[in-house]
Amino acid sequence: MDDLDRRLLKACENGIPLQPRPYKLVGEELGISEDEVIARLRALIDSGVLRRFSASIGHLALGIVANAMIAWRAPEDGLDRLGRALARFPSVTHCYSRETANGWPYNLYTMVHSRSKEDCLQMAEEMARRVGIDDYQVLFSEREFKKTNARI
């Protein structure tokens, strides 16, 4: 990664212009071509510096107001299999395993988002039924304190 890559990432960190040729405008800002912007972003993804380059959707504007983390008590010998199975559900946006804690036996976590708490609860019930886990907790977000993109 060179100085131009750093400047490119800085130029994109707050989003790219919403117009037909956004990379052309970014390139003009940096004094490079649209093709070079695209090639450099691809190279940063291919090298692992960037995991992905994607859109961020304003979920509240779309009416998605219920966010639930589902904490699952999964048997250790089935943790990988169950994690992969839960991660395949279209409604799951994140899936992680974590160590348990005193008084908290849950070791597998999924996030789902919907237009209502009831929808999230139904998703959890369906996932539980399909993967065969009956010990889980659905924890809803109450408010958001901070959400920002990574910065250079």
C-alpha atoms as a PDB file:
ATOM      1  CA  MET A   1       0.000   0.000   0.000  1.00  0.00           C
ATOM      2  CA  ASP A   2       1.446   3.346  -1.002  1.00  0.00           C
ATOM      3  CA  ASP A   3       0.569   6.981  -0.292  1.00  0.00           C
ATOM      4  CA  LEU A   4      -1.899   7.112  -3.201  1.00  0.00           C
ATOM      5  CA  ASP A   5      -3.726   4.061  -1.789  1.00  0.00           C
ATOM      6  CA  ARG A   6      -3.990   5.831   1.566  1.00  0.00           C
ATOM      7  CA  ARG A   7      -5.350   8.962  -0.129  1.00  0.00           C
ATOM      8  CA  LEU A   8      -7.813   6.810  -2.090  1.00  0.00           C
ATOM      9  CA  LEU A   9      -9.094   5.127   1.076  1.00  0.00           C
ATOM     10  CA  LYS A  10      -9.371   8.508   2.791  1.00  0.00           C
ATOM     11  CA  ALA A  11     -11.371   9.852  -0.179  1.00  0.00           C
ATOM     12  CA  CYS A  12     -13.784   6.898   0.037  1.00  0.00           C
ATOM     13  CA  GLU A  13     -14.155   6.505   3.810  1.00  0.00           C
ATOM     14  CA  ASN A  14     -17.277   8.696   4.045  1.00  0.00           C
ATOM     15  CA  GLY A  15     -18.841   7.151   0.959  1.00  0.00           C
ATOM     16  CA  ILE A  16     -18.557   7.666  -2.745  1.00  0.00           C
ATOM     17  CA  PRO A  17     -20.769  10.019  -4.770  1.00  0.00           C
ATOM     18  CA  LEU A  18     -24.188   8.612  -5.615  1.00  0.00           C
ATOM     19  CA  GLN A  19     -24.037   9.114  -9.353  1.00  0.00           C
ATOM     20  CA  PRO A  20     -23.498   6.980 -12.482  1.00  0.00           C
ATOM     21  CA  ARG A  21     -19.646   7.163 -12.460  1.00  0.00           C
ATOM     22  CA  PRO A  22     -18.554   7.715  -8.859  1.00  0.00           C
ATOM     23  CA  TYR A  23     -15.028   6.346  -9.413  1.00  0.00           C
ATOM     24  CA  LYS A  24     -14.450   8.961 -12.112  1.00  0.00           C
ATOM     25  CA  LEU A  25     -15.157  11.748  -9.601  1.00  0.00           C
ATOM     26  CA  VAL A  26     -12.943  10.121  -6.963  1.00  0.00           C
ATOM     27  CA  GLY A  27     -10.195   9.794  -9.566  1.00  0.00           C
ATOM     28  CA  GLU A  28     -10.501  13.450 -10.558  1.00  0.00           C
ATOM     29  CA  GLU A  29     -10.138  14.416  -6.890  1.00  0.00           C
ATOM     30  CA  LEU A  30      -6.903  12.379  -6.692  1.00  0.00           C
ATOM     31  CA  GLY A  31      -5.560  13.183 -10.167  1.00  0.00           C
ATOM     32  CA  ILE A  32      -5.891   9.615 -11.483  1.00  0.00           C
ATOM     33  CA  SER A  33      -8.185   7.858 -13.939  1.00  0.00           C
ATOM     34  CA  GLU A  34     -11.424   6.079 -13.154  1.00  0.00           C
ATOM     35  CA  ASP A  35      -9.788   2.802 -14.266  1.00  0.00           C
ATOM     36  CA  GLU A  36      -6.904   3.309 -11.834  1.00  0.00           C
ATOM     37  CA  VAL A  37      -9.318   3.956  -8.947  1.00  0.00           C
ATOM     38  CA  ILE A  38     -11.104   0.682  -9.714  1.00  0.00           C
ATOM     39  CA  ALA A  39      -7.830  -1.230 -10.186  1.00  0.00           C
ATOM     40  CA  ARG A  40      -6.401   0.064  -6.913  1.00  0.00           C
ATOM     41  CA  LEU A  41      -9.564  -0.802  -4.965  1.00  0.00           C
ATOM     42  CA  ARG A  42      -9.514  -4.309  -6.475  1.00  0.00           C
ATOM     43  CA  ALA A  43      -5.840  -4.711  -5.543  1.00  0.00           C
ATOM     44  CA  LEU A  44      -6.560  -3.605  -1.958  1.00  0.00           C
ATOM     45  CA  ILE A  45      -9.324  -6.214  -1.735  1.00  0.00           C
ATOM     46  CA  ASP A  46      -7.200  -8.934  -3.361  1.00  0.00           C
ATOM     47  CA  SER A  47      -4.305  -8.241  -0.979  1.00  0.00           C
ATOM     48  CA  GLY A  48      -6.579  -8.365   2.079  1.00  0.00           C
ATOM     49  CA  VAL A  49      -6.083  -4.721   3.076  1.00  0.00           C
ATOM     50  CA  LEU A  50      -9.828  -4.267   2.449  1.00  0.00           C
ATOM     51  CA  ARG A  51     -12.182  -7.118   3.246  1.00  0.00           C
ATOM     52  CA  ARG A  52     -14.884  -5.678   1.032  1.00  0.00           C
ATOM     53  CA  PHE A  53     -16.089  -2.486  -0.598  1.00  0.00           C
ATOM     54  CA  SER A  54     -19.834  -2.227  -0.243  1.00  0.00           C
ATOM     55  CA  ALA A  55     -22.843  -0.035   0.315  1.00  0.00           C
ATOM     56  CA  SER A  56     -24.081   0.770   3.783  1.00  0.00           C
ATOM     57  CA  ILE A  57     -27.850   0.984   3.960  1.00  0.00           C
ATOM     58  CA  GLY A  58     -29.670   3.292   6.361  1.00  0.00           C
ATOM     59  CA  HIS A  59     -31.774   0.580   7.980  1.00  0.00           C
ATOM     60  CA  LEU A  60     -34.011   2.983   9.904  1.00  0.00           C
ATOM     61  CA  ALA A  61     -34.982   4.755   6.680  1.00  0.00           C
ATOM     62  CA  LEU A  62     -36.081   1.364   5.329  1.00  0.00           C
ATOM     63  CA  GLY A  63     -38.240   0.663   8.381  1.00  0.00           C
ATOM     64  CA  ILE A  64     -35.900  -1.903   9.913  1.00  0.00           C
ATOM     65  CA  VAL A  65     -36.254  -0.945  13.539  1.00  0.00           C
ATOM     66  CA  ALA A  66     -35.825  -4.249  15.400  1.00  0.00           C
ATOM     67  CA  ASN A  67     -32.305  -5.580  15.920  1.00  0.00           C
ATOM     68  CA  ALA A  68     -31.885  -8.795  17.869  1.00  0.00           C
ATOM     69  CA  MET A  69     -28.832 -10.651  19.025  1.00  0.00           C
ATOM     70  CA  ILE A  70     -29.733 -14.266  19.605  1.00  0.00           C
ATOM     71  CA  ALA A  71     -27.489 -16.002  22.126  1.00  0.00           C
ATOM     72  CA  TRP A  72     -27.452 -19.787  21.621  1.00  0.00           C
ATOM     73  CA  ARG A  73     -26.276 -22.500  24.007  1.00  0.00           C
ATOM     74  CA  ALA A  74     -24.634 -24.865  21.553  1.00  0.00           C
ATOM     75  CA  PRO A  75     -22.831 -28.075  22.470  1.00  0.00           C
ATOM     76  CA  GLU A  76     -19.061 -27.615  22.065  1.00  0.00           C
ATOM     77  CA  ASP A  77     -18.756 -30.707  19.865  1.00  0.00           C
ATOM     78  CA  GLY A  78     -21.325 -29.260  17.425  1.00  0.00           C
ATOM     79  CA  LEU A  79     -20.336 -25.600  17.607  1.00  0.00           C
ATOM     80  CA  ASP A  80     -18.758 -25.336  14.139  1.00  0.00           C
ATOM     81  CA  ARG A  81     -21.557 -27.267  12.428  1.00  0.00           C
ATOM     82  CA  LEU A  82     -24.273 -25.231  14.171  1.00  0.00           C
ATOM     83  CA  GLY A  83     -22.468 -21.946  13.529  1.00  0.00           C
ATOM     84  CA  ARG A  84     -22.267 -22.722   9.812  1.00  0.00           C
ATOM     85  CA  ALA A  85     -25.942 -23.772   9.767  1.00  0.00           C
ATOM     86  CA  LEU A  86     -27.097 -20.577  11.502  1.00  0.00           C
ATOM     87  CA  ALA A  87     -24.875 -18.390   9.317  1.00  0.00           C
ATOM     88  CA  ARG A  88     -26.645 -19.768   6.220  1.00  0.00           C
ATOM     89  CA  PHE A  89     -30.003 -18.276   7.236  1.00  0.00           C
ATOM     90  CA  PRO A  90     -30.697 -15.272   4.980  1.00  0.00           C
ATOM     91  CA  SER A  91     -31.881 -13.236   7.972  1.00  0.00           C
ATOM     92  CA  VAL A  92     -28.551 -13.631   9.828  1.00  0.00           C
ATOM     93  CA  THR A  93     -26.118 -10.763   9.265  1.00  0.00           C
ATOM     94  CA  HIS A  94     -23.459 -11.778  11.812  1.00  0.00           C
ATOM     95  CA  CYS A  95     -22.604 -15.103  13.423  1.00  0.00           C
ATOM     96  CA  TYR A  96     -19.900 -15.535  16.097  1.00  0.00           C
ATOM     97  CA  SER A  97     -18.792 -18.000  18.722  1.00  0.00           C
ATOM     98  CA  ARG A  98     -17.572 -16.791  22.110  1.00  0.00           C
ATOM     99  CA  GLU A  99     -16.427 -18.326  25.367  1.00  0.00           C
ATOM    100  CA  THR A 100     -19.099 -18.761  28.012  1.00  0.00           C
ATOM    101  CA  ALA A 101     -18.990 -16.795  31.272  1.00  0.00           C
ATOM    102  CA  ASN A 102     -20.070 -17.474  34.847  1.00  0.00           C
ATOM    103  CA  GLY A 103     -23.849 -17.474  34.860  1.00  0.00           C
ATOM    104  CA  TRP A 104     -24.001 -17.068  31.068  1.00  0.00           C
ATOM    105  CA  PRO A 105     -23.805 -20.430  29.249  1.00  0.00           C
ATOM    106  CA  TYR A 106     -24.317 -19.083  25.712  1.00  0.00           C
ATOM    107  CA  ASN A 107     -21.471 -19.570  23.256  1.00  0.00           C
ATOM    108  CA  LEU A 108     -22.916 -18.856  19.802  1.00  0.00           C
ATOM    109  CA  TYR A 109     -24.415 -15.544  18.661  1.00  0.00           C
ATOM    110  CA  THR A 110     -26.393 -14.402  15.629  1.00  0.00           C
ATOM    111  CA  MET A 111     -27.761 -10.991  14.665  1.00  0.00           C
ATOM    112  CA  VAL A 112     -31.041 -10.517  12.838  1.00  0.00           C
ATOM    113  CA  HIS A 113     -32.867  -7.348  11.821  1.00  0.00           C
ATOM    114  CA  SER A 114     -36.498  -6.777  10.920  1.00  0.00           C
ATOM    115  CA  ARG A 115     -39.422  -4.391  10.950  1.00  0.00           C
ATOM    116  CA  SER A 116     -40.688  -5.674  14.316  1.00  0.00           C
ATOM    117  CA  LYS A 117     -39.615  -7.508  17.453  1.00  0.00           C
ATOM    118  CA  GLU A 118     -42.256 -10.126  16.681  1.00  0.00           C
ATOM    119  CA  ASP A 119     -40.577 -10.893  13.334  1.00  0.00           C
ATOM    120  CA  CYS A 120     -37.213 -11.307  15.091  1.00  0.00           C
ATOM    121  CA  LEU A 121     -38.775 -13.674  17.634  1.00  0.00           C
ATOM    122  CA  GLN A 122     -40.321 -15.726  14.823  1.00  0.00           C
ATOM    123  CA  MET A 123     -36.946 -15.890  13.062  1.00  0.00           C
ATOM    124  CA  ALA A 124     -35.321 -17.144  16.265  1.00  0.00           C
ATOM    125  CA  GLU A 125     -38.025 -19.794  16.733  1.00  0.00           C
ATOM    126  CA  GLU A 126     -37.630 -20.997  13.148  1.00  0.00           C
ATOM    127  CA  MET A 127     -33.831 -21.131  13.408  1.00  0.00           C
ATOM    128  CA  ALA A 128     -34.032 -22.978  16.737  1.00  0.00           C
ATOM    129  CA  ARG A 129     -36.433 -25.523  15.285  1.00  0.00           C
ATOM    130  CA  ARG A 130     -34.340 -26.097  12.168  1.00  0.00           C
ATOM    131  CA  VAL A 131     -30.951 -26.473  13.905  1.00  0.00           C
ATOM    132  CA  GLY A 132     -32.264 -28.235  17.005  1.00  0.00           C
ATOM    133  CA  ILE A 133     -31.212 -25.805  19.731  1.00  0.00           C
ATOM    134  CA  ASP A 134     -33.840 -25.077  22.362  1.00  0.00           C
ATOM    135  CA  ASP A 135     -31.763 -23.033  24.821  1.00  0.00           C
ATOM    136  CA  TYR A 136     -31.395 -19.488  23.525  1.00  0.00           C
ATOM    137  CA  GLN A 137     -32.019 -15.866  24.512  1.00  0.00           C
ATOM    138  CA  VAL A 138     -33.206 -13.077  22.210  1.00  0.00           C
ATOM    139  CA  LEU A 139     -31.690  -9.728  23.191  1.00  0.00           C
ATOM    140  CA  PHE A 140     -33.036  -6.598  21.504  1.00  0.00           C
ATOM    141  CA  SER A 141     -31.144  -3.378  20.903  1.00  0.00           C
ATOM    142  CA  GLU A 142     -32.756  -0.568  22.852  1.00  0.00           C
ATOM    143  CA  ARG A 143     -30.776   2.338  21.409  1.00  0.00           C
ATOM    144  CA  GLU A 144     -27.722   3.035  19.303  1.00  0.00           C
ATOM    145  CA  PHE A 145     -24.934   5.058  20.845  1.00  0.00           C
ATOM    146  CA  LYS A 146     -22.475   5.229  17.959  1.00  0.00           C
ATOM    147  CA  LYS A 147     -22.103   3.795  14.506  1.00  0.00           C
ATOM    148  CA  THR A 148     -19.302   4.884  12.225  1.00  0.00           C
ATOM    149  CA  ASN A 149     -17.240   3.455   9.408  1.00  0.00           C
ATOM    150  CA  ALA A 150     -13.544   2.716   9.836  1.00  0.00           C
ATOM    151  CA  ARG A 151     -11.358   5.778   9.383  1.00  0.00           C
ATOM    152  CA  ILE A 152      -7.853   6.185   8.010  1.00  0.00           C
END
